[in-house]
Amino acid sequence: MSMTLELRAVNDDMLNGLMDGDPETCEAFLSGDGTDLDKAWDGIHFALTGKKFGDGSGRMSYEPFGDRYLDAVDEGMGPATYLAPEEVAVVARHLKGIPAEAFAALVDAKAMLAAEIYPFQQDETDADVRPYLVPNYAAMRELYLSASSSGMGIVAVMR
């Protein structure tokens, strides 16, 4: 079974409704679309933080995909996580300083393999994983910068 991660920018009303477990808000949220990072999420997280997803924020002030749970939003792989608008702003400032080309330099396939970063395999090199990670990172970065400029939060849903 593969694990993919989708990120969605949400306004305060949506985030508060999700935090409260409001059924109508949850239904509206789950019927929407977001930025699909596919299986690149763990590699992106590792390149940015130096840690596996769920092991802390490492080099960043906040866990880039959030570390607080929305129990009412679960697509079968555990509850969604979120960042409040002020946290998104901090992460966005960090990501603003890392354009796609600079992110590519952070990708270290050997370190990812040693840390058992999903979904990479033993024979993969930097040249193998960069073409997959960099465009997904660029989409994530664009979402965070846009959400930050609009004062929105981010919800991360694992599928």
Protein backbone atom coordinates (compact mmCIF):
# COMPACT_ATOMS: atom_id res chain seq x y z
CA MET A 1 0.00 0.00 0.00
CA SER A 2 1.36 3.40 -0.92
CA MET A 3 1.15 6.47 1.29
CA THR A 4 0.62 9.81 -0.38
CA LEU A 5 0.28 13.24 1.21
CA GLU A 6 -2.05 16.01 0.12
CA LEU A 7 -1.74 19.57 1.42
CA ARG A 8 -4.61 22.04 1.47
CA ALA A 9 -4.72 25.70 2.36
CA VAL A 10 -7.65 26.47 4.65
CA ASN A 11 -9.13 29.67 6.04
CA ASP A 12 -9.74 30.19 9.77
CA ASP A 13 -13.40 29.14 9.57
CA MET A 14 -12.53 25.85 7.86
CA LEU A 15 -9.64 25.15 10.24
CA ASN A 16 -11.77 25.90 13.30
CA GLY A 17 -14.56 23.67 11.97
CA LEU A 18 -12.09 20.85 11.39
CA MET A 19 -10.62 21.30 14.86
CA ASP A 20 -14.13 21.16 16.32
CA GLY A 21 -14.94 18.04 14.28
CA ASP A 22 -17.93 19.71 12.60
CA PRO A 23 -19.34 17.06 10.19
CA GLU A 24 -20.36 19.56 7.48
CA THR A 25 -16.95 21.23 7.54
CA CYS A 26 -15.19 17.85 7.39
CA GLU A 27 -17.34 16.76 4.45
CA ALA A 28 -16.67 20.03 2.60
CA PHE A 29 -12.95 19.72 3.29
CA LEU A 30 -12.73 16.12 2.10
CA SER A 31 -14.57 16.92 -1.12
CA GLY A 32 -12.03 19.61 -2.05
CA ASP A 33 -8.72 19.42 -3.88
CA GLY A 34 -5.22 20.21 -2.73
CA THR A 35 -1.56 19.92 -3.63
CA ASP A 36 -0.70 16.24 -3.96
CA LEU A 37 2.90 15.48 -2.99
CA ASP A 38 2.39 11.85 -3.99
CA LYS A 39 5.02 9.73 -2.18
CA ALA A 40 7.60 12.54 -2.16
CA TRP A 41 6.52 13.86 1.27
CA ASP A 42 9.05 11.93 3.37
CA GLY A 43 11.94 12.81 1.06
CA ILE A 44 10.93 16.48 1.04
CA HIS A 45 10.63 16.47 4.83
CA PHE A 46 14.04 14.83 5.22
CA ALA A 47 15.77 17.20 2.80
CA LEU A 48 14.32 20.20 4.64
CA THR A 49 14.73 19.04 8.23
CA GLY A 50 17.33 16.25 8.27
CA LYS A 51 14.75 14.05 10.03
CA LYS A 52 12.11 11.48 9.14
CA PHE A 53 8.51 12.66 9.05
CA GLY A 54 7.19 12.61 12.60
CA ASP A 55 10.66 12.80 14.20
CA GLY A 56 10.64 16.56 14.69
CA SER A 57 11.28 19.80 12.87
CA GLY A 58 15.08 19.51 12.78
CA ARG A 59 16.48 22.55 10.97
CA MET A 60 13.08 24.26 10.82
CA SER A 61 11.12 26.14 13.47
CA TYR A 62 7.98 24.09 12.83
CA GLU A 63 7.22 20.62 11.58
CA PRO A 64 6.61 21.47 7.89
CA PHE A 65 3.47 19.32 7.68
CA GLY A 66 2.20 20.14 11.17
CA ASP A 67 2.39 18.09 14.35
CA ARG A 68 -1.08 18.59 15.78
CA TYR A 69 -3.86 16.23 14.78
CA LEU A 70 -7.33 16.75 13.37
CA ASP A 71 -8.96 13.53 14.55
CA ALA A 72 -12.13 14.19 12.53
CA VAL A 73 -10.14 14.10 9.26
CA ASP A 74 -8.78 10.62 8.60
CA GLU A 75 -8.57 9.08 5.15
CA GLY A 76 -7.41 5.71 6.49
CA MET A 77 -3.74 6.47 7.20
CA GLY A 78 -4.18 8.35 10.46
CA PRO A 79 -5.55 11.75 11.33
CA ALA A 80 -4.64 14.83 9.31
CA THR A 81 -2.15 17.30 10.76
CA TYR A 82 -2.22 21.07 10.50
CA LEU A 83 -0.37 24.33 10.80
CA ALA A 84 -2.15 27.49 11.93
CA PRO A 85 -1.76 30.60 9.74
CA GLU A 86 1.01 32.07 11.90
CA GLU A 87 2.94 28.78 11.66
CA VAL A 88 2.43 28.66 7.90
CA ALA A 89 3.94 32.16 7.74
CA VAL A 90 7.07 30.97 9.57
CA VAL A 91 7.46 27.89 7.35
CA ALA A 92 6.80 29.99 4.23
CA ARG A 93 9.58 32.43 5.21
CA HIS A 94 11.91 29.46 5.53
CA LEU A 95 10.83 27.97 2.18
CA LYS A 96 11.04 31.35 0.44
CA GLY A 97 14.80 31.19 0.98
CA ILE A 98 14.99 27.74 -0.64
CA PRO A 99 14.11 27.92 -4.34
CA ALA A 100 13.85 24.62 -6.21
CA GLU A 101 17.50 24.74 -7.30
CA ALA A 102 18.67 25.15 -3.70
CA PHE A 103 16.32 22.38 -2.57
CA ALA A 104 17.87 20.06 -5.17
CA ALA A 105 21.24 20.56 -3.46
CA LEU A 106 19.71 19.39 -0.16
CA VAL A 107 18.71 16.03 -1.64
CA ASP A 108 21.08 13.31 -0.45
CA ALA A 109 19.95 9.87 -1.62
CA LYS A 110 22.54 8.01 0.50
CA ALA A 111 21.40 9.77 3.68
CA MET A 112 17.76 9.15 2.75
CA LEU A 113 18.40 5.47 2.23
CA ALA A 114 20.30 5.22 5.51
CA ALA A 115 17.37 6.87 7.30
CA GLU A 116 14.89 4.58 5.48
CA ILE A 117 13.03 7.47 3.90
CA TYR A 118 9.89 6.38 2.09
CA PRO A 119 9.65 5.29 -0.78
CA PHE A 120 13.26 5.14 -1.93
CA GLN A 121 15.17 1.94 -2.70
CA GLN A 122 18.80 0.89 -2.18
CA ASP A 123 19.99 1.40 -5.74
CA GLU A 124 18.71 4.97 -6.15
CA THR A 125 21.08 7.92 -6.47
CA ASP A 126 20.67 11.69 -6.19
CA ALA A 127 20.16 11.75 -9.97
CA ASP A 128 17.29 9.26 -9.56
CA VAL A 129 15.43 11.00 -6.74
CA ARG A 130 15.89 14.70 -7.59
CA PRO A 131 13.60 14.64 -10.67
CA TYR A 132 10.85 13.24 -8.44
CA LEU A 133 11.38 15.36 -5.32
CA VAL A 134 12.14 18.78 -6.80
CA PRO A 135 8.86 19.37 -8.71
CA ASN A 136 6.85 18.15 -5.72
CA TYR A 137 8.82 20.47 -3.45
CA ALA A 138 8.24 23.37 -5.86
CA ALA A 139 4.47 22.76 -5.74
CA MET A 140 4.57 22.58 -1.93
CA ARG A 141 6.63 25.78 -1.71
CA GLU A 142 4.20 27.61 -3.99
CA LEU A 143 1.25 26.49 -1.83
CA TYR A 144 2.90 27.67 1.41
CA LEU A 145 3.90 31.04 -0.05
CA SER A 146 0.38 31.57 -1.39
CA ALA A 147 -1.29 30.41 1.85
CA SER A 148 0.97 32.65 3.90
CA SER A 149 0.22 35.73 1.79
CA SER A 150 -3.52 35.00 2.24
CA GLY A 151 -3.30 34.34 6.00
CA MET A 152 -4.34 30.72 5.64
CA GLY A 153 -3.48 27.54 7.50
CA ILE A 154 -2.34 24.25 5.98
CA VAL A 155 -3.85 20.80 6.53
CA ALA A 156 -1.88 17.68 5.56
CA VAL A 157 -3.87 14.52 4.79
CA MET A 158 -2.13 11.16 4.45
CA ARG A 159 -3.75 8.70 2.07
